[in-house]
Amino acid sequence: MKIRLGAPGESVILGPLEAFVDTGADATLIPVEYLKQVGARKVDWAILRSQWGERRSVPLYAVAMQINHHYFAAIWVVGDEHSGEVVLGRNVLNRLRLLLDGPSMTLELLDG
């Protein structure tokens, strides 16, 4: 899925970026490099637990995000310092209408 990023409440200025959809992830992860490029604000810290049970303290950032015609002025995301991949978690996915067609191996973003 393609996304665009910007500073909170501002126009999106970076992208399109390829994002992996992870319906098992609570949070969205974005490389800190991208967050710095758009002027995202660090707003808090959280404890993240990986699928292997590892726990670590991670920074949370507020960022504007656009996915197709859906614009979110301030989504909180995890600033990922260890990966170059964008992972869309349920904090973003739950704001969208998606059709996951397993047999066809497709994901469709629906209007509305």
PDB file of N, CA and C in Angstrom:
ATOM      1  N   MET A   1       0.852  -1.161   0.000  1.00  0.00           N
ATOM      2  CA  MET A   1       0.000   0.000   0.000  1.00  0.00           C
ATOM      3  C   MET A   1       0.906   1.235   0.000  1.00  0.00           C
ATOM      4  N   LYS A   2       0.520   2.257  -0.724  1.00  0.00           N
ATOM      5  CA  LYS A   2       1.311   3.491  -0.821  1.00  0.00           C
ATOM      6  C   LYS A   2       0.777   4.537   0.151  1.00  0.00           C
ATOM      7  N   ILE A   3       1.713   5.221   0.838  1.00  0.00           N
ATOM      8  CA  ILE A   3       1.334   6.294   1.755  1.00  0.00           C
ATOM      9  C   ILE A   3       2.187   7.522   1.470  1.00  0.00           C
ATOM     10  N   ARG A   4       1.721   8.661   1.976  1.00  0.00           N
ATOM     11  CA  ARG A   4       2.475   9.912   1.952  1.00  0.00           C
ATOM     12  C   ARG A   4       2.485  10.455   3.370  1.00  0.00           C
ATOM     13  N   LEU A   5       3.560  11.186   3.706  1.00  0.00           N
ATOM     14  CA  LEU A   5       3.727  11.705   5.065  1.00  0.00           C
ATOM     15  C   LEU A   5       3.981  13.199   5.065  1.00  0.00           C
ATOM     16  N   GLY A   6       3.642  13.831   6.180  1.00  0.00           N
ATOM     17  CA  GLY A   6       3.924  15.247   6.390  1.00  0.00           C
ATOM     18  C   GLY A   6       3.958  15.544   7.876  1.00  0.00           C
ATOM     19  N   ALA A   7       4.291  16.780   8.218  1.00  0.00           N
ATOM     20  CA  ALA A   7       4.240  17.217   9.612  1.00  0.00           C
ATOM     21  C   ALA A   7       2.780  17.233  10.053  1.00  0.00           C
ATOM     22  N   PRO A   8       2.510  17.050  11.346  1.00  0.00           N
ATOM     23  CA  PRO A   8       1.125  17.014  11.815  1.00  0.00           C
ATOM     24  C   PRO A   8       0.342  18.251  11.407  1.00  0.00           C
ATOM     25  N   GLY A   9      -0.834  18.032  10.814  1.00  0.00           N
ATOM     26  CA  GLY A   9      -1.701  19.127  10.405  1.00  0.00           C
ATOM     27  C   GLY A   9      -1.275  19.843   9.144  1.00  0.00           C
ATOM     28  N   GLU A  10      -0.189  19.415   8.534  1.00  0.00           N
ATOM     29  CA  GLU A  10       0.350  20.067   7.337  1.00  0.00           C
ATOM     30  C   GLU A  10       0.082  19.206   6.101  1.00  0.00           C
ATOM     31  N   SER A  11       0.470  19.737   4.956  1.00  0.00           N
ATOM     32  CA  SER A  11       0.381  18.979   3.708  1.00  0.00           C
ATOM     33  C   SER A  11       1.395  17.844   3.729  1.00  0.00           C
ATOM     34  N   VAL A  12       1.047  16.767   3.051  1.00  0.00           N
ATOM     35  CA  VAL A  12       1.988  15.653   2.938  1.00  0.00           C
ATOM     36  C   VAL A  12       3.045  16.019   1.903  1.00  0.00           C
ATOM     37  N   ILE A  13       4.305  15.756   2.236  1.00  0.00           N
ATOM     38  CA  ILE A  13       5.402  16.184   1.366  1.00  0.00           C
ATOM     39  C   ILE A  13       6.337  15.047   0.972  1.00  0.00           C
ATOM     40  N   LEU A  14       6.205  13.890   1.619  1.00  0.00           N
ATOM     41  CA  LEU A  14       7.113  12.778   1.348  1.00  0.00           C
ATOM     42  C   LEU A  14       6.307  11.578   0.860  1.00  0.00           C
ATOM     43  N   GLY A  15       6.748  11.016  -0.246  1.00  0.00           N
ATOM     44  CA  GLY A  15       6.078   9.831  -0.750  1.00  0.00           C
ATOM     45  C   GLY A  15       5.780   9.974  -2.228  1.00  0.00           C
ATOM     46  N   PRO A  16       5.212   8.950  -2.802  1.00  0.00           N
ATOM     47  CA  PRO A  16       4.644   7.792  -2.127  1.00  0.00           C
ATOM     48  C   PRO A  16       5.714   6.836  -1.594  1.00  0.00           C
ATOM     49  N   LEU A  17       5.410   6.261  -0.429  1.00  0.00           N
ATOM     50  CA  LEU A  17       6.261   5.272   0.214  1.00  0.00           C
ATOM     51  C   LEU A  17       5.505   3.950   0.255  1.00  0.00           C
ATOM     52  N   GLU A  18       6.206   2.876  -0.023  1.00  0.00           N
ATOM     53  CA  GLU A  18       5.589   1.555   0.067  1.00  0.00           C
ATOM     54  C   GLU A  18       5.469   1.176   1.538  1.00  0.00           C
ATOM     55  N   ALA A  19       4.276   0.735   1.948  1.00  0.00           N
ATOM     56  CA  ALA A  19       4.034   0.338   3.334  1.00  0.00           C
ATOM     57  C   ALA A  19       3.491  -1.086   3.367  1.00  0.00           C
ATOM     58  N   PHE A  20       4.047  -1.892   4.258  1.00  0.00           N
ATOM     59  CA  PHE A  20       3.539  -3.239   4.471  1.00  0.00           C
ATOM     60  C   PHE A  20       2.327  -3.164   5.390  1.00  0.00           C
ATOM     61  N   VAL A  21       1.288  -3.909   5.091  1.00  0.00           N
ATOM     62  CA  VAL A  21       0.095  -3.977   5.931  1.00  0.00           C
ATOM     63  C   VAL A  21       0.275  -5.149   6.891  1.00  0.00           C
ATOM     64  N   ASP A  22       0.181  -4.868   8.194  1.00  0.00           N
ATOM     65  CA  ASP A  22       0.331  -5.903   9.218  1.00  0.00           C
ATOM     66  C   ASP A  22      -0.877  -5.851  10.143  1.00  0.00           C
ATOM     67  N   THR A  23      -1.868  -6.697   9.867  1.00  0.00           N
ATOM     68  CA  THR A  23      -3.097  -6.690  10.661  1.00  0.00           C
ATOM     69  C   THR A  23      -2.875  -7.227  12.072  1.00  0.00           C
ATOM     70  N   GLY A  24      -1.723  -7.801  12.337  1.00  0.00           N
ATOM     71  CA  GLY A  24      -1.398  -8.284  13.677  1.00  0.00           C
ATOM     72  C   GLY A  24      -0.650  -7.274  14.518  1.00  0.00           C
ATOM     73  N   ALA A  25      -0.245  -6.166  13.918  1.00  0.00           N
ATOM     74  CA  ALA A  25       0.518  -5.139  14.643  1.00  0.00           C
ATOM     75  C   ALA A  25      -0.435  -4.103  15.228  1.00  0.00           C
ATOM     76  N   ASP A  26      -0.280  -3.817  16.508  1.00  0.00           N
ATOM     77  CA  ASP A  26      -1.106  -2.778  17.139  1.00  0.00           C
ATOM     78  C   ASP A  26      -0.771  -1.398  16.596  1.00  0.00           C
ATOM     79  N   ALA A  27       0.509  -1.157  16.349  1.00  0.00           N
ATOM     80  CA  ALA A  27       0.987   0.187  16.010  1.00  0.00           C
ATOM     81  C   ALA A  27       1.609   0.222  14.624  1.00  0.00           C
ATOM     82  N   THR A  28       1.680   1.421  14.082  1.00  0.00           N
ATOM     83  CA  THR A  28       2.342   1.681  12.808  1.00  0.00           C
ATOM     84  C   THR A  28       3.783   2.078  13.081  1.00  0.00           C
ATOM     85  N   LEU A  29       4.703   1.521  12.307  1.00  0.00           N
ATOM     86  CA  LEU A  29       6.126   1.813  12.452  1.00  0.00           C
ATOM     87  C   LEU A  29       6.620   2.539  11.213  1.00  0.00           C
ATOM     88  N   ILE A  30       7.337   3.632  11.432  1.00  0.00           N
ATOM     89  CA  ILE A  30       7.896   4.412  10.328  1.00  0.00           C
ATOM     90  C   ILE A  30       9.349   4.714  10.657  1.00  0.00           C
ATOM     91  N   PRO A  31      10.257   4.507   9.705  1.00  0.00           N
ATOM     92  CA  PRO A  31      11.660   4.819   9.966  1.00  0.00           C
ATOM     93  C   PRO A  31      11.839   6.268  10.428  1.00  0.00           C
ATOM     94  N   VAL A  32      12.661   6.446  11.458  1.00  0.00           N
ATOM     95  CA  VAL A  32      12.915   7.782  12.013  1.00  0.00           C
ATOM     96  C   VAL A  32      13.423   8.727  10.929  1.00  0.00           C
ATOM     97  N   GLU A  33      14.188   8.213   9.984  1.00  0.00           N
ATOM     98  CA  GLU A  33      14.710   9.037   8.882  1.00  0.00           C
ATOM     99  C   GLU A  33      13.574   9.758   8.150  1.00  0.00           C
ATOM    100  N   TYR A  34      12.486   9.052   7.856  1.00  0.00           N
ATOM    101  CA  TYR A  34      11.340   9.670   7.180  1.00  0.00           C
ATOM    102  C   TYR A  34      10.659  10.700   8.073  1.00  0.00           C
ATOM    103  N   LEU A  35      10.527  10.375   9.355  1.00  0.00           N
ATOM    104  CA  LEU A  35       9.864  11.284  10.294  1.00  0.00           C
ATOM    105  C   LEU A  35      10.628  12.594  10.423  1.00  0.00           C
ATOM    106  N   LYS A  36      11.942  12.507  10.436  1.00  0.00           N
ATOM    107  CA  LYS A  36      12.765  13.724  10.512  1.00  0.00           C
ATOM    108  C   LYS A  36      12.633  14.550   9.237  1.00  0.00           C
ATOM    109  N   GLN A  37      12.552  13.884   8.084  1.00  0.00           N
ATOM    110  CA  GLN A  37      12.439  14.596   6.807  1.00  0.00           C
ATOM    111  C   GLN A  37      11.186  15.457   6.731  1.00  0.00           C
ATOM    112  N   VAL A  38      10.102  15.011   7.371  1.00  0.00           N
ATOM    113  CA  VAL A  38       8.840  15.752   7.277  1.00  0.00           C
ATOM    114  C   VAL A  38       8.588  16.657   8.478  1.00  0.00           C
ATOM    115  N   GLY A  39       9.472  16.628   9.460  1.00  0.00           N
ATOM    116  CA  GLY A  39       9.287  17.480  10.637  1.00  0.00           C
ATOM    117  C   GLY A  39       8.255  16.954  11.615  1.00  0.00           C
ATOM    118  N   ALA A  40       8.101  15.627  11.678  1.00  0.00           N
ATOM    119  CA  ALA A  40       7.174  15.030  12.647  1.00  0.00           C
ATOM    120  C   ALA A  40       7.659  15.331  14.061  1.00  0.00           C
ATOM    121  N   ARG A  41       6.703  15.467  14.987  1.00  0.00           N
ATOM    122  CA  ARG A  41       7.038  15.809  16.376  1.00  0.00           C
ATOM    123  C   ARG A  41       7.054  14.565  17.250  1.00  0.00           C
ATOM    124  N   LYS A  42       8.120  14.441  18.067  1.00  0.00           N
ATOM    125  CA  LYS A  42       8.148  13.382  19.071  1.00  0.00           C
ATOM    126  C   LYS A  42       7.182  13.795  20.174  1.00  0.00           C
ATOM    127  N   VAL A  43       6.233  12.920  20.511  1.00  0.00           N
ATOM    128  CA  VAL A  43       5.184  13.286  21.467  1.00  0.00           C
ATOM    129  C   VAL A  43       5.196  12.454  22.741  1.00  0.00           C
ATOM    130  N   ASP A  44       5.836  11.293  22.727  1.00  0.00           N
ATOM    131  CA  ASP A  44       5.796  10.434  23.908  1.00  0.00           C
ATOM    132  C   ASP A  44       6.745   9.257  23.706  1.00  0.00           C
ATOM    133  N   TRP A  45       6.774   8.397  24.702  1.00  0.00           N
ATOM    134  CA  TRP A  45       7.522   7.141  24.636  1.00  0.00           C
ATOM    135  C   TRP A  45       6.563   6.009  24.981  1.00  0.00           C
ATOM    136  N   ALA A  46       6.843   4.818  24.465  1.00  0.00           N
ATOM    137  CA  ALA A  46       6.023   3.646  24.764  1.00  0.00           C
ATOM    138  C   ALA A  46       6.931   2.424  24.847  1.00  0.00           C
ATOM    139  N   ILE A  47       6.398   1.355  25.396  1.00  0.00           N
ATOM    140  CA  ILE A  47       7.101   0.076  25.407  1.00  0.00           C
ATOM    141  C   ILE A  47       6.508  -0.769  24.286  1.00  0.00           C
ATOM    142  N   LEU A  48       7.364  -1.221  23.390  1.00  0.00           N
ATOM    143  CA  LEU A  48       6.943  -2.051  22.261  1.00  0.00           C
ATOM    144  C   LEU A  48       7.386  -3.477  22.533  1.00  0.00           C
ATOM    145  N   ARG A  49       6.495  -4.423  22.317  1.00  0.00           N
ATOM    146  CA  ARG A  49       6.844  -5.835  22.457  1.00  0.00           C
ATOM    147  C   ARG A  49       6.771  -6.473  21.082  1.00  0.00           C
ATOM    148  N   SER A  50       7.862  -7.088  20.669  1.00  0.00           N
ATOM    149  CA  SER A  50       7.907  -7.717  19.348  1.00  0.00           C
ATOM    150  C   SER A  50       7.180  -9.057  19.384  1.00  0.00           C
ATOM    151  N   GLN A  51       7.015  -9.653  18.219  1.00  0.00           N
ATOM    152  CA  GLN A  51       6.360 -10.950  18.133  1.00  0.00           C
ATOM    153  C   GLN A  51       7.169 -12.044  18.819  1.00  0.00           C
ATOM    154  N   TRP A  52       8.459 -11.771  19.123  1.00  0.00           N
ATOM    155  CA  TRP A  52       9.310 -12.728  19.826  1.00  0.00           C
ATOM    156  C   TRP A  52       9.343 -12.468  21.326  1.00  0.00           C
ATOM    157  N   GLY A  53       8.572 -11.492  21.795  1.00  0.00           N
ATOM    158  CA  GLY A  53       8.510 -11.195  23.219  1.00  0.00           C
ATOM    159  C   GLY A  53       9.513 -10.164  23.701  1.00  0.00           C
ATOM    160  N   GLU A  54      10.395  -9.710  22.827  1.00  0.00           N
ATOM    161  CA  GLU A  54      11.379  -8.679  23.189  1.00  0.00           C
ATOM    162  C   GLU A  54      10.649  -7.371  23.480  1.00  0.00           C
ATOM    163  N   ARG A  55      11.074  -6.677  24.539  1.00  0.00           N
ATOM    164  CA  ARG A  55      10.481  -5.390  24.895  1.00  0.00           C
ATOM    165  C   ARG A  55      11.548  -4.316  24.789  1.00  0.00           C
ATOM    166  N   ARG A  56      11.122  -3.149  24.275  1.00  0.00           N
ATOM    167  CA  ARG A  56      12.035  -2.000  24.250  1.00  0.00           C
ATOM    168  C   ARG A  56      11.246  -0.706  24.254  1.00  0.00           C
ATOM    169  N   SER A  57      11.905   0.325  24.746  1.00  0.00           N
ATOM    170  CA  SER A  57      11.308   1.656  24.776  1.00  0.00           C
ATOM    171  C   SER A  57      11.468   2.285  23.394  1.00  0.00           C
ATOM    172  N   VAL A  58      10.374   2.848  22.878  1.00  0.00           N
ATOM    173  CA  VAL A  58      10.394   3.433  21.532  1.00  0.00           C
ATOM    174  C   VAL A  58       9.765   4.822  21.561  1.00  0.00           C
ATOM    175  N   PRO A  59      10.255   5.721  20.697  1.00  0.00           N
ATOM    176  CA  PRO A  59       9.648   7.049  20.623  1.00  0.00           C
ATOM    177  C   PRO A  59       8.373   7.023  19.783  1.00  0.00           C
ATOM    178  N   LEU A  60       7.388   7.815  20.207  1.00  0.00           N
ATOM    179  CA  LEU A  60       6.158   7.996  19.440  1.00  0.00           C
ATOM    180  C   LEU A  60       6.177   9.378  18.814  1.00  0.00           C
ATOM    181  N   TYR A  61       5.760   9.450  17.562  1.00  0.00           N
ATOM    182  CA  TYR A  61       5.728  10.701  16.814  1.00  0.00           C
ATOM    183  C   TYR A  61       4.315  10.958  16.318  1.00  0.00           C
ATOM    184  N   ALA A  62       3.958  12.228  16.185  1.00  0.00           N
ATOM    185  CA  ALA A  62       2.720  12.622  15.513  1.00  0.00           C
ATOM    186  C   ALA A  62       3.090  12.993  14.083  1.00  0.00           C
ATOM    187  N   VAL A  63       2.335  12.469  13.129  1.00  0.00           N
ATOM    188  CA  VAL A  63       2.635  12.689  11.719  1.00  0.00           C
ATOM    189  C   VAL A  63       1.322  12.767  10.938  1.00  0.00           C
ATOM    190  N   ALA A  64       1.311  13.574   9.888  1.00  0.00           N
ATOM    191  CA  ALA A  64       0.186  13.568   8.949  1.00  0.00           C
ATOM    192  C   ALA A  64       0.412  12.426   7.964  1.00  0.00           C
ATOM    193  N   MET A  65      -0.676  11.760   7.588  1.00  0.00           N
ATOM    194  CA  MET A  65      -0.555  10.630   6.676  1.00  0.00           C
ATOM    195  C   MET A  65      -1.698  10.669   5.672  1.00  0.00           C
ATOM    196  N   GLN A  66      -1.360  10.350   4.432  1.00  0.00           N
ATOM    197  CA  GLN A  66      -2.372  10.235   3.389  1.00  0.00           C
ATOM    198  C   GLN A  66      -2.247   8.874   2.734  1.00  0.00           C
ATOM    199  N   ILE A  67      -3.395   8.207   2.602  1.00  0.00           N
ATOM    200  CA  ILE A  67      -3.482   6.924   1.908  1.00  0.00           C
ATOM    201  C   ILE A  67      -4.608   7.085   0.894  1.00  0.00           C
ATOM    202  N   ASN A  68      -4.243   7.112  -0.384  1.00  0.00           N
ATOM    203  CA  ASN A  68      -5.195   7.468  -1.447  1.00  0.00           C
ATOM    204  C   ASN A  68      -5.826   8.808  -1.097  1.00  0.00           C
ATOM    205  N   HIS A  69      -7.162   8.880  -0.998  1.00  0.00           N
ATOM    206  CA  HIS A  69      -7.805  10.160  -0.684  1.00  0.00           C
ATOM    207  C   HIS A  69      -8.087  10.320   0.816  1.00  0.00           C
ATOM    208  N   HIS A  70      -7.639   9.379   1.636  1.00  0.00           N
ATOM    209  CA  HIS A  70      -7.835   9.452   3.093  1.00  0.00           C
ATOM    210  C   HIS A  70      -6.678  10.228   3.718  1.00  0.00           C
ATOM    211  N   TYR A  71      -6.997  11.338   4.394  1.00  0.00           N
ATOM    212  CA  TYR A  71      -5.985  12.185   5.032  1.00  0.00           C
ATOM    213  C   TYR A  71      -6.198  12.163   6.537  1.00  0.00           C
ATOM    214  N   PHE A  72      -5.137  11.893   7.274  1.00  0.00           N
ATOM    215  CA  PHE A  72      -5.160  11.896   8.734  1.00  0.00           C
ATOM    216  C   PHE A  72      -4.183  12.966   9.205  1.00  0.00           C
ATOM    217  N   ALA A  73      -4.693  13.976   9.897  1.00  0.00           N
ATOM    218  CA  ALA A  73      -3.890  15.149  10.265  1.00  0.00           C
ATOM    219  C   ALA A  73      -2.833  14.850  11.314  1.00  0.00           C
ATOM    220  N   ALA A  74      -3.097  13.908  12.208  1.00  0.00           N
ATOM    221  CA  ALA A  74      -2.136  13.614  13.281  1.00  0.00           C
ATOM    222  C   ALA A  74      -2.332  12.190  13.782  1.00  0.00           C
ATOM    223  N   ILE A  75      -1.552  11.287  13.229  1.00  0.00           N
ATOM    224  CA  ILE A  75      -1.553   9.884  13.649  1.00  0.00           C
ATOM    225  C   ILE A  75      -0.292   9.663  14.482  1.00  0.00           C
ATOM    226  N   TRP A  76      -0.430   8.956  15.603  1.00  0.00           N
ATOM    227  CA  TRP A  76       0.749   8.607  16.397  1.00  0.00           C
ATOM    228  C   TRP A  76       1.353   7.330  15.834  1.00  0.00           C
ATOM    229  N   VAL A  77       2.664   7.366  15.604  1.00  0.00           N
ATOM    230  CA  VAL A  77       3.379   6.223  15.048  1.00  0.00           C
ATOM    231  C   VAL A  77       4.654   5.987  15.853  1.00  0.00           C
ATOM    232  N   VAL A  78       5.177   4.785  15.748  1.00  0.00           N
ATOM    233  CA  VAL A  78       6.454   4.444  16.370  1.00  0.00           C
ATOM    234  C   VAL A  78       7.568   4.865  15.430  1.00  0.00           C
ATOM    235  N   GLY A  79       8.546   5.576  15.959  1.00  0.00           N
ATOM    236  CA  GLY A  79       9.739   5.918  15.196  1.00  0.00           C
ATOM    237  C   GLY A  79      10.705   4.748  15.228  1.00  0.00           C
ATOM    238  N   ASP A  80      10.881   4.088  14.096  1.00  0.00           N
ATOM    239  CA  ASP A  80      11.713   2.885  14.014  1.00  0.00           C
ATOM    240  C   ASP A  80      13.136   3.266  13.622  1.00  0.00           C
ATOM    241  N   GLU A  81      14.064   3.033  14.527  1.00  0.00           N
ATOM    242  CA  GLU A  81      15.470   3.370  14.286  1.00  0.00           C
ATOM    243  C   GLU A  81      16.259   2.209  13.696  1.00  0.00           C
ATOM    244  N   HIS A  82      15.615   1.036  13.526  1.00  0.00           N
ATOM    245  CA  HIS A  82      16.348  -0.163  13.121  1.00  0.00           C
ATOM    246  C   HIS A  82      15.957  -0.707  11.757  1.00  0.00           C
ATOM    247  N   SER A  83      14.956  -0.146  11.123  1.00  0.00           N
ATOM    248  CA  SER A  83      14.484  -0.685   9.852  1.00  0.00           C
ATOM    249  C   SER A  83      14.183   0.445   8.879  1.00  0.00           C
ATOM    250  N   GLY A  84      14.237   0.135   7.610  1.00  0.00           N
ATOM    251  CA  GLY A  84      13.886   1.100   6.583  1.00  0.00           C
ATOM    252  C   GLY A  84      12.500   0.862   6.021  1.00  0.00           C
ATOM    253  N   GLU A  85      11.712  -0.005   6.687  1.00  0.00           N
ATOM    254  CA  GLU A  85      10.394  -0.368   6.175  1.00  0.00           C
ATOM    255  C   GLU A  85       9.283   0.334   6.950  1.00  0.00           C
ATOM    256  N   VAL A  86       8.245   0.726   6.219  1.00  0.00           N
ATOM    257  CA  VAL A  86       7.036   1.273   6.828  1.00  0.00           C
ATOM    258  C   VAL A  86       6.070   0.111   7.038  1.00  0.00           C
ATOM    259  N   VAL A  87       5.556  -0.014   8.264  1.00  0.00           N
ATOM    260  CA  VAL A  87       4.600  -1.065   8.600  1.00  0.00           C
ATOM    261  C   VAL A  87       3.323  -0.398   9.098  1.00  0.00           C
ATOM    262  N   LEU A  88       2.217  -0.632   8.393  1.00  0.00           N
ATOM    263  CA  LEU A  88       0.922  -0.087   8.810  1.00  0.00           C
ATOM    264  C   LEU A  88       0.259  -1.055   9.778  1.00  0.00           C
ATOM    265  N   GLY A  89       0.058  -0.601  11.013  1.00  0.00           N
ATOM    266  CA  GLY A  89      -0.604  -1.407  12.031  1.00  0.00           C
ATOM    267  C   GLY A  89      -2.061  -1.007  12.186  1.00  0.00           C
ATOM    268  N   ARG A  90      -2.718  -1.641  13.162  1.00  0.00           N
ATOM    269  CA  ARG A  90      -4.159  -1.443  13.330  1.00  0.00           C
ATOM    270  C   ARG A  90      -4.543  -0.034  13.747  1.00  0.00           C
ATOM    271  N   ASN A  91      -3.614   0.743  14.346  1.00  0.00           N
ATOM    272  CA  ASN A  91      -3.988   2.115  14.707  1.00  0.00           C
ATOM    273  C   ASN A  91      -4.323   2.942  13.464  1.00  0.00           C
ATOM    274  N   VAL A  92      -3.800   2.566  12.310  1.00  0.00           N
ATOM    275  CA  VAL A  92      -4.161   3.206  11.035  1.00  0.00           C
ATOM    276  C   VAL A  92      -5.204   2.364  10.298  1.00  0.00           C
ATOM    277  N   LEU A  93      -4.988   1.068  10.224  1.00  0.00           N
ATOM    278  CA  LEU A  93      -5.878   0.197   9.447  1.00  0.00           C
ATOM    279  C   LEU A  93      -7.319   0.259   9.936  1.00  0.00           C
ATOM    280  N   ASN A  94      -7.522   0.416  11.247  1.00  0.00           N
ATOM    281  CA  ASN A  94      -8.886   0.465  11.787  1.00  0.00           C
ATOM    282  C   ASN A  94      -9.640   1.732  11.395  1.00  0.00           C
ATOM    283  N   ARG A  95      -8.979   2.681  10.773  1.00  0.00           N
ATOM    284  CA  ARG A  95      -9.635   3.902  10.284  1.00  0.00           C
ATOM    285  C   ARG A  95     -10.050   3.781   8.814  1.00  0.00           C
ATOM    286  N   LEU A  96      -9.739   2.641   8.211  1.00  0.00           N
ATOM    287  CA  LEU A  96      -9.981   2.429   6.783  1.00  0.00           C
ATOM    288  C   LEU A  96     -10.937   1.260   6.574  1.00  0.00           C
ATOM    289  N   ARG A  97     -11.624   1.280   5.438  1.00  0.00           N
ATOM    290  CA  ARG A  97     -12.413   0.127   5.016  1.00  0.00           C
ATOM    291  C   ARG A  97     -11.562  -0.648   4.023  1.00  0.00           C
ATOM    292  N   LEU A  98     -11.191  -1.867   4.426  1.00  0.00           N
ATOM    293  CA  LEU A  98     -10.315  -2.700   3.614  1.00  0.00           C
ATOM    294  C   LEU A  98     -10.995  -4.019   3.294  1.00  0.00           C
ATOM    295  N   LEU A  99     -10.691  -4.546   2.124  1.00  0.00           N
ATOM    296  CA  LEU A  99     -11.141  -5.881   1.756  1.00  0.00           C
ATOM    297  C   LEU A  99      -9.897  -6.741   1.574  1.00  0.00           C
ATOM    298  N   LEU A 100      -9.720  -7.687   2.486  1.00  0.00           N
ATOM    299  CA  LEU A 100      -8.614  -8.634   2.396  1.00  0.00           C
ATOM    300  C   LEU A 100      -9.175  -9.916   1.800  1.00  0.00           C
ATOM    301  N   ASP A 101      -8.770 -10.225   0.590  1.00  0.00           N
ATOM    302  CA  ASP A 101      -9.237 -11.414  -0.118  1.00  0.00           C
ATOM    303  C   ASP A 101      -8.107 -12.431  -0.098  1.00  0.00           C
ATOM    304  N   GLY A 102      -8.146 -13.309   0.896  1.00  0.00           N
ATOM    305  CA  GLY A 102      -7.087 -14.299   1.070  1.00  0.00           C
ATOM    306  C   GLY A 102      -6.880 -15.206  -0.127  1.00  0.00           C
ATOM    307  N   PRO A 103      -7.956 -15.847  -0.651  1.00  0.00           N
ATOM    308  CA  PRO A 103      -7.762 -16.744  -1.785  1.00  0.00           C
ATOM    309  C   PRO A 103      -7.140 -16.051  -3.006  1.00  0.00           C
ATOM    310  N   SER A 104      -7.494 -14.795  -3.221  1.00  0.00           N
ATOM    311  CA  SER A 104      -6.927 -14.060  -4.360  1.00  0.00           C
ATOM    312  C   SER A 104      -5.617 -13.359  -4.011  1.00  0.00           C
ATOM    313  N   MET A 105      -5.273 -13.371  -2.705  1.00  0.00           N
ATOM    314  CA  MET A 105      -4.055 -12.709  -2.214  1.00  0.00           C
ATOM    315  C   MET A 105      -4.025 -11.240  -2.621  1.00  0.00           C
ATOM    316  N   THR A 106      -5.160 -10.542  -2.375  1.00  0.00           N
ATOM    317  CA  THR A 106      -5.246  -9.118  -2.685  1.00  0.00           C
ATOM    318  C   THR A 106      -5.777  -8.353  -1.478  1.00  0.00           C
ATOM    319  N   LEU A 107      -5.429  -7.084  -1.431  1.00  0.00           N
ATOM    320  CA  LEU A 107      -5.937  -6.163  -0.422  1.00  0.00           C
ATOM    321  C   LEU A 107      -6.450  -4.944  -1.164  1.00  0.00           C
ATOM    322  N   GLU A 108      -7.706  -4.583  -0.897  1.00  0.00           N
ATOM    323  CA  GLU A 108      -8.316  -3.448  -1.591  1.00  0.00           C
ATOM    324  C   GLU A 108      -8.775  -2.414  -0.576  1.00  0.00           C
ATOM    325  N   LEU A 109      -8.424  -1.160  -0.827  1.00  0.00           N
ATOM    326  CA  LEU A 109      -8.904  -0.049  -0.019  1.00  0.00           C
ATOM    327  C   LEU A 109     -10.233   0.398  -0.604  1.00  0.00           C
ATOM    328  N   LEU A 110     -11.288   0.314   0.199  1.00  0.00           N
ATOM    329  CA  LEU A 110     -12.634   0.650  -0.263  1.00  0.00           C
ATOM    330  C   LEU A 110     -12.951   2.103   0.046  1.00  0.00           C
ATOM    331  N   ASP A 111     -13.841   2.693  -0.733  1.00  0.00           N
ATOM    332  CA  ASP A 111     -14.297   4.060  -0.456  1.00  0.00           C
ATOM    333  C   ASP A 111     -15.224   4.050   0.745  1.00  0.00           C
ATOM    334  N   GLY A 112     -15.282   5.209   1.421  1.00  0.00           N
ATOM    335  CA  GLY A 112     -16.255   5.354   2.497  1.00  0.00           C
ATOM    336  C   GLY A 112     -15.719   5.255   3.846  1.00  0.00           C
TER     337      GLY A 112
END
